[in-house]
Amino acid sequence: MLLISCVYAGEKAGWAEWITPGTWSRSHYQEQQVPEKPGKSFRVYPNPVQDEMKIAYNLEKETEVMMEIRDITGKKVMDENLEKLKGESELTVNLSGLRKGIYFIKFYSTEPLLYEIIKIQKL
C-alpha cells in the first residue's frame, strides 16, 4: 500500500491530506507551538583564547551542567562535568593542551533542559 502525505499550514490552522489508493480523506491537526528561545546562559571570553578561557554563567536554578568541546572535524577533545552551578558567576578552564584552531563548546543539562553551543578560536 502506498501512503503519500501532503501538509498545508495556514496562518492559524493547518490541515493534512492523506492519499491512499482508492480513498481521499482529510484529517485536522494542531500546529505545534515552538517555545521562545531563552536568553543565553553562558558567555565565553576572551575569544580568541590562548590558554585560559573564562566561562560566565547566569542560571536561575541549581543545574548540573556538562561541557563538551569538539574540534572543527567533530572530534571530542574535552568532556567535563561542571558540577552544580547556580546564580551569576564565572569559572576558568585551562585550554593549553589544545592545538590552535576552531572549537565548538556545548553546554548541556537535562534538568532543567539546557543546550547551548558557542564557537571559539584557540590561538
N, C-alpha and C. Protein backbone atom coordinates (compact mmCIF):
# COMPACT_ATOMS: atom_id res chain seq x y z
N MET A 1 0.85 -1.17 0.00
CA MET A 1 0.00 0.00 0.00
C MET A 1 0.90 1.23 0.00
N LEU A 2 0.57 2.18 -0.82
CA LEU A 2 1.32 3.42 -0.94
C LEU A 2 0.60 4.49 -0.15
N LEU A 3 1.33 5.21 0.70
CA LEU A 3 0.75 6.28 1.50
C LEU A 3 1.55 7.54 1.24
N ILE A 4 0.88 8.57 0.79
CA ILE A 4 1.54 9.84 0.48
C ILE A 4 0.98 10.89 1.41
N SER A 5 1.83 11.74 1.96
CA SER A 5 1.38 12.78 2.87
C SER A 5 1.67 14.14 2.26
N CYS A 6 0.66 14.99 2.23
CA CYS A 6 0.82 16.38 1.80
C CYS A 6 0.35 17.25 2.95
N VAL A 7 1.13 18.22 3.35
CA VAL A 7 0.75 19.05 4.50
C VAL A 7 0.70 20.50 4.08
N TYR A 8 -0.37 21.19 4.47
CA TYR A 8 -0.51 22.62 4.26
C TYR A 8 -0.70 23.27 5.62
N ALA A 9 0.05 24.31 5.89
CA ALA A 9 -0.10 25.02 7.17
C ALA A 9 -0.59 26.43 6.87
N GLY A 10 -1.80 26.72 7.33
CA GLY A 10 -2.37 28.05 7.14
C GLY A 10 -1.86 28.99 8.20
N GLU A 11 -2.39 30.22 8.20
CA GLU A 11 -1.94 31.19 9.18
C GLU A 11 -2.27 30.77 10.61
N LYS A 12 -3.49 30.30 10.83
CA LYS A 12 -3.89 29.95 12.19
C LYS A 12 -4.08 28.46 12.37
N ALA A 13 -4.50 27.77 11.35
CA ALA A 13 -4.73 26.33 11.47
C ALA A 13 -4.27 25.68 10.18
N GLY A 14 -3.94 24.42 10.28
CA GLY A 14 -3.46 23.71 9.11
C GLY A 14 -4.29 22.46 8.90
N TRP A 15 -4.05 21.81 7.78
CA TRP A 15 -4.72 20.54 7.54
C TRP A 15 -3.78 19.64 6.79
N ALA A 16 -4.00 18.36 6.88
CA ALA A 16 -3.16 17.38 6.18
C ALA A 16 -4.06 16.51 5.32
N GLU A 17 -3.61 16.19 4.15
CA GLU A 17 -4.34 15.28 3.28
C GLU A 17 -3.57 13.97 3.20
N TRP A 18 -4.24 12.89 3.44
CA TRP A 18 -3.63 11.56 3.32
C TRP A 18 -4.27 10.89 2.11
N ILE A 19 -3.46 10.56 1.15
CA ILE A 19 -3.97 9.97 -0.09
C ILE A 19 -3.56 8.51 -0.12
N THR A 20 -4.54 7.63 -0.09
CA THR A 20 -4.32 6.20 -0.17
C THR A 20 -5.04 5.73 -1.43
N PRO A 21 -4.46 4.80 -2.18
CA PRO A 21 -5.14 4.37 -3.41
C PRO A 21 -6.61 4.05 -3.16
N GLY A 22 -7.49 4.69 -3.92
CA GLY A 22 -8.92 4.44 -3.81
C GLY A 22 -9.64 5.26 -2.76
N THR A 23 -8.91 6.05 -1.94
CA THR A 23 -9.58 6.85 -0.91
C THR A 23 -9.03 8.26 -0.91
N TRP A 24 -9.78 9.15 -0.31
CA TRP A 24 -9.35 10.54 -0.14
C TRP A 24 -9.93 11.01 1.17
N SER A 25 -9.10 11.37 2.12
CA SER A 25 -9.63 11.85 3.39
C SER A 25 -8.74 12.96 3.91
N ARG A 26 -9.35 13.81 4.73
CA ARG A 26 -8.60 14.89 5.36
C ARG A 26 -8.64 14.69 6.86
N SER A 27 -7.53 14.99 7.51
CA SER A 27 -7.52 14.93 8.97
C SER A 27 -6.95 16.24 9.50
N HIS A 28 -7.59 16.79 10.51
CA HIS A 28 -7.11 18.03 11.10
C HIS A 28 -6.00 17.74 12.10
N TYR A 29 -5.13 18.66 12.28
CA TYR A 29 -4.07 18.51 13.26
C TYR A 29 -3.85 19.85 13.94
N GLN A 30 -3.21 19.79 15.10
CA GLN A 30 -2.88 21.01 15.84
C GLN A 30 -1.47 21.45 15.44
N GLU A 31 -1.31 22.71 15.13
CA GLU A 31 0.03 23.22 14.86
C GLU A 31 0.80 23.28 16.18
N GLN A 32 2.02 22.81 16.15
CA GLN A 32 2.83 22.84 17.36
C GLN A 32 3.41 24.23 17.55
N GLN A 33 3.34 24.70 18.77
CA GLN A 33 3.91 25.99 19.10
C GLN A 33 5.36 25.79 19.50
N VAL A 34 6.25 26.54 18.89
CA VAL A 34 7.66 26.46 19.22
C VAL A 34 7.94 27.44 20.34
N PRO A 35 8.47 26.96 21.48
CA PRO A 35 8.72 27.88 22.58
C PRO A 35 9.79 28.89 22.19
N GLU A 36 9.68 30.07 22.76
CA GLU A 36 10.70 31.09 22.51
C GLU A 36 12.01 30.63 23.12
N LYS A 37 13.09 30.94 22.41
CA LYS A 37 14.41 30.55 22.89
C LYS A 37 14.76 31.42 24.10
N PRO A 38 15.15 30.77 25.21
CA PRO A 38 15.50 31.56 26.38
C PRO A 38 16.80 32.34 26.13
N GLY A 39 17.06 33.32 26.98
CA GLY A 39 18.28 34.11 26.86
C GLY A 39 19.51 33.24 27.06
N LYS A 40 20.62 33.73 26.62
CA LYS A 40 21.87 32.99 26.75
C LYS A 40 22.22 32.83 28.22
N SER A 41 22.63 31.61 28.59
CA SER A 41 23.02 31.33 29.96
C SER A 41 24.52 31.40 30.15
N PHE A 42 25.29 31.27 29.05
CA PHE A 42 26.74 31.22 29.13
C PHE A 42 27.38 32.24 28.20
N ARG A 43 28.53 32.75 28.65
CA ARG A 43 29.34 33.65 27.84
C ARG A 43 30.79 33.22 28.03
N VAL A 44 31.53 33.13 26.92
CA VAL A 44 32.91 32.67 26.96
C VAL A 44 33.81 33.82 26.52
N TYR A 45 34.88 34.06 27.26
CA TYR A 45 35.83 35.12 26.88
C TYR A 45 37.20 34.80 27.46
N PRO A 46 38.27 35.33 26.95
CA PRO A 46 38.35 36.07 25.69
C PRO A 46 38.14 35.13 24.51
N ASN A 47 37.76 35.66 23.41
CA ASN A 47 37.59 34.87 22.20
C ASN A 47 38.07 35.71 21.03
N PRO A 48 39.22 35.39 20.47
CA PRO A 48 40.01 34.17 20.57
C PRO A 48 40.68 34.02 21.94
N VAL A 49 40.95 32.75 22.29
CA VAL A 49 41.52 32.40 23.59
C VAL A 49 42.93 31.84 23.39
N GLN A 50 43.81 32.06 24.40
CA GLN A 50 45.14 31.46 24.31
C GLN A 50 45.20 30.21 25.17
N ASP A 51 45.37 30.36 26.48
CA ASP A 51 45.48 29.19 27.34
C ASP A 51 44.35 29.04 28.34
N GLU A 52 43.83 30.15 28.83
CA GLU A 52 42.75 30.09 29.81
C GLU A 52 41.51 30.79 29.29
N MET A 53 40.39 30.10 29.44
CA MET A 53 39.12 30.62 28.99
C MET A 53 38.23 30.83 30.21
N LYS A 54 37.56 31.96 30.26
CA LYS A 54 36.61 32.24 31.33
C LYS A 54 35.21 31.92 30.82
N ILE A 55 34.42 31.30 31.67
CA ILE A 55 33.03 30.99 31.36
C ILE A 55 32.17 31.73 32.38
N ALA A 56 31.44 32.73 31.91
CA ALA A 56 30.50 33.45 32.78
C ALA A 56 29.13 32.82 32.57
N TYR A 57 28.42 32.57 33.65
CA TYR A 57 27.11 31.96 33.54
C TYR A 57 26.11 32.65 34.45
N ASN A 58 24.84 32.48 34.09
CA ASN A 58 23.74 33.02 34.89
C ASN A 58 22.61 32.00 34.83
N LEU A 59 22.44 31.23 35.89
CA LEU A 59 21.44 30.18 35.94
C LEU A 59 20.51 30.40 37.13
N GLU A 60 19.22 30.41 36.87
CA GLU A 60 18.25 30.64 37.95
C GLU A 60 18.20 29.48 38.93
N LYS A 61 18.18 28.24 38.41
CA LYS A 61 18.10 27.05 39.26
C LYS A 61 19.45 26.37 39.36
N GLU A 62 19.67 25.65 40.45
CA GLU A 62 20.88 24.84 40.57
C GLU A 62 20.84 23.78 39.48
N THR A 63 21.88 23.75 38.65
CA THR A 63 21.88 22.91 37.46
C THR A 63 23.21 22.17 37.33
N GLU A 64 23.14 20.86 37.11
CA GLU A 64 24.35 20.09 36.84
C GLU A 64 24.62 20.21 35.35
N VAL A 65 25.68 20.93 35.00
CA VAL A 65 25.98 21.26 33.61
C VAL A 65 27.17 20.45 33.13
N MET A 66 27.03 19.90 31.94
CA MET A 66 28.12 19.21 31.27
C MET A 66 28.68 20.14 30.19
N MET A 67 29.99 20.10 30.01
CA MET A 67 30.63 20.89 28.96
C MET A 67 31.39 19.93 28.07
N GLU A 68 31.20 20.07 26.78
CA GLU A 68 31.88 19.23 25.80
C GLU A 68 32.52 20.15 24.78
N ILE A 69 33.78 19.89 24.44
CA ILE A 69 34.48 20.70 23.43
C ILE A 69 34.85 19.78 22.28
N ARG A 70 34.51 20.21 21.07
CA ARG A 70 34.83 19.45 19.86
C ARG A 70 35.61 20.34 18.90
N ASP A 71 36.53 19.71 18.15
CA ASP A 71 37.29 20.46 17.16
C ASP A 71 36.45 20.62 15.89
N ILE A 72 37.01 21.24 14.89
CA ILE A 72 36.28 21.57 13.66
C ILE A 72 35.84 20.31 12.91
N THR A 73 36.51 19.18 13.14
CA THR A 73 36.14 17.92 12.48
C THR A 73 35.05 17.18 13.24
N GLY A 74 34.71 17.66 14.44
CA GLY A 74 33.70 17.00 15.25
C GLY A 74 34.25 16.06 16.30
N LYS A 75 35.57 15.93 16.35
CA LYS A 75 36.21 15.05 17.33
C LYS A 75 36.12 15.68 18.72
N LYS A 76 35.67 14.88 19.69
CA LYS A 76 35.57 15.36 21.07
C LYS A 76 36.98 15.45 21.66
N VAL A 77 37.34 16.65 22.14
CA VAL A 77 38.67 16.85 22.72
C VAL A 77 38.63 17.10 24.22
N MET A 78 37.44 17.42 24.75
CA MET A 78 37.30 17.63 26.19
C MET A 78 35.85 17.39 26.58
N ASP A 79 35.67 16.76 27.72
CA ASP A 79 34.34 16.48 28.25
C ASP A 79 34.43 16.64 29.75
N GLU A 80 33.68 17.58 30.30
CA GLU A 80 33.83 17.88 31.72
C GLU A 80 32.49 18.16 32.38
N ASN A 81 32.31 17.63 33.58
CA ASN A 81 31.13 17.91 34.38
C ASN A 81 31.44 19.17 35.20
N LEU A 82 30.67 20.21 35.00
CA LEU A 82 30.91 21.47 35.70
C LEU A 82 30.23 21.51 37.06
N GLU A 83 29.71 20.35 37.48
CA GLU A 83 29.04 20.21 38.78
C GLU A 83 27.75 21.03 38.79
N LYS A 84 27.29 21.35 39.96
CA LYS A 84 26.04 22.09 40.09
C LYS A 84 26.34 23.59 40.14
N LEU A 85 25.83 24.28 39.13
CA LEU A 85 26.03 25.72 39.03
C LEU A 85 24.72 26.43 39.32
N LYS A 86 24.81 27.58 39.96
CA LYS A 86 23.62 28.38 40.23
C LYS A 86 24.02 29.84 40.36
N GLY A 87 23.11 30.71 39.95
CA GLY A 87 23.35 32.13 40.11
C GLY A 87 24.20 32.69 38.99
N GLU A 88 24.81 33.84 39.30
CA GLU A 88 25.64 34.54 38.33
C GLU A 88 27.07 34.50 38.82
N SER A 89 27.95 33.87 38.06
CA SER A 89 29.35 33.74 38.45
C SER A 89 30.17 33.36 37.23
N GLU A 90 31.42 32.99 37.45
CA GLU A 90 32.27 32.54 36.35
C GLU A 90 33.27 31.52 36.85
N LEU A 91 33.80 30.74 35.91
CA LEU A 91 34.85 29.79 36.23
C LEU A 91 35.89 29.82 35.12
N THR A 92 37.06 29.26 35.38
CA THR A 92 38.18 29.27 34.44
C THR A 92 38.47 27.85 33.98
N VAL A 93 38.69 27.69 32.67
CA VAL A 93 39.03 26.39 32.09
C VAL A 93 40.37 26.52 31.38
N ASN A 94 41.28 25.58 31.65
CA ASN A 94 42.59 25.58 31.03
C ASN A 94 42.52 24.87 29.69
N LEU A 95 42.87 25.58 28.61
CA LEU A 95 42.85 25.03 27.26
C LEU A 95 44.25 24.93 26.67
N SER A 96 45.28 24.98 27.50
CA SER A 96 46.66 24.97 26.99
C SER A 96 46.99 23.68 26.25
N GLY A 97 46.28 22.60 26.51
CA GLY A 97 46.55 21.32 25.84
C GLY A 97 45.94 21.22 24.45
N LEU A 98 45.18 22.22 24.04
CA LEU A 98 44.55 22.18 22.73
C LEU A 98 45.42 22.88 21.68
N ARG A 99 45.38 22.36 20.46
CA ARG A 99 46.10 22.99 19.35
C ARG A 99 45.36 24.24 18.90
N LYS A 100 46.04 25.06 18.12
CA LYS A 100 45.40 26.23 17.52
C LYS A 100 44.29 25.76 16.59
N GLY A 101 43.19 26.51 16.56
CA GLY A 101 42.10 26.15 15.65
C GLY A 101 40.75 26.62 16.15
N ILE A 102 39.72 26.15 15.47
CA ILE A 102 38.33 26.48 15.79
C ILE A 102 37.74 25.32 16.59
N TYR A 103 37.02 25.66 17.67
CA TYR A 103 36.39 24.66 18.54
C TYR A 103 34.96 25.08 18.82
N PHE A 104 34.14 24.08 19.12
CA PHE A 104 32.76 24.31 19.50
C PHE A 104 32.55 23.79 20.92
N ILE A 105 32.05 24.67 21.79
CA ILE A 105 31.80 24.30 23.18
C ILE A 105 30.30 24.11 23.34
N LYS A 106 29.91 22.95 23.83
CA LYS A 106 28.50 22.67 24.07
C LYS A 106 28.28 22.57 25.57
N PHE A 107 27.35 23.35 26.08
CA PHE A 107 26.92 23.28 27.47
C PHE A 107 25.54 22.63 27.45
N TYR A 108 25.34 21.61 28.28
CA TYR A 108 24.03 20.98 28.29
C TYR A 108 23.68 20.40 29.64
N SER A 109 22.38 20.27 29.86
CA SER A 109 21.83 19.73 31.09
C SER A 109 20.44 19.19 30.77
N THR A 110 20.00 18.19 31.53
CA THR A 110 18.66 17.66 31.29
C THR A 110 17.62 18.22 32.23
N GLU A 111 18.01 18.66 33.40
CA GLU A 111 17.03 19.17 34.38
C GLU A 111 17.58 20.40 35.06
N PRO A 112 17.18 21.59 34.77
CA PRO A 112 16.24 21.94 33.72
C PRO A 112 16.91 21.81 32.36
N LEU A 113 16.12 21.68 31.30
CA LEU A 113 16.63 21.50 29.96
C LEU A 113 17.47 22.70 29.55
N LEU A 114 18.69 22.41 29.12
CA LEU A 114 19.63 23.46 28.75
C LEU A 114 20.50 22.94 27.62
N TYR A 115 20.69 23.73 26.58
CA TYR A 115 21.52 23.32 25.45
C TYR A 115 22.01 24.59 24.77
N GLU A 116 23.32 24.77 24.76
CA GLU A 116 23.88 25.99 24.16
C GLU A 116 25.24 25.65 23.56
N ILE A 117 25.51 26.15 22.36
CA ILE A 117 26.79 25.91 21.68
C ILE A 117 27.43 27.27 21.37
N ILE A 118 28.74 27.35 21.67
CA ILE A 118 29.50 28.58 21.42
C ILE A 118 30.74 28.21 20.63
N LYS A 119 31.06 29.00 19.61
CA LYS A 119 32.24 28.77 18.78
C LYS A 119 33.38 29.64 19.30
N ILE A 120 34.57 29.04 19.47
CA ILE A 120 35.74 29.80 19.89
C ILE A 120 36.91 29.53 18.95
N GLN A 121 37.89 30.42 19.01
CA GLN A 121 39.12 30.22 18.26
C GLN A 121 40.26 30.16 19.26
N LYS A 122 41.08 29.11 19.15
CA LYS A 122 42.25 28.94 20.02
C LYS A 122 43.48 29.43 19.28
N LEU A 123 44.21 30.36 19.90
CA LEU A 123 45.45 30.91 19.31
C LEU A 123 46.66 30.13 19.77
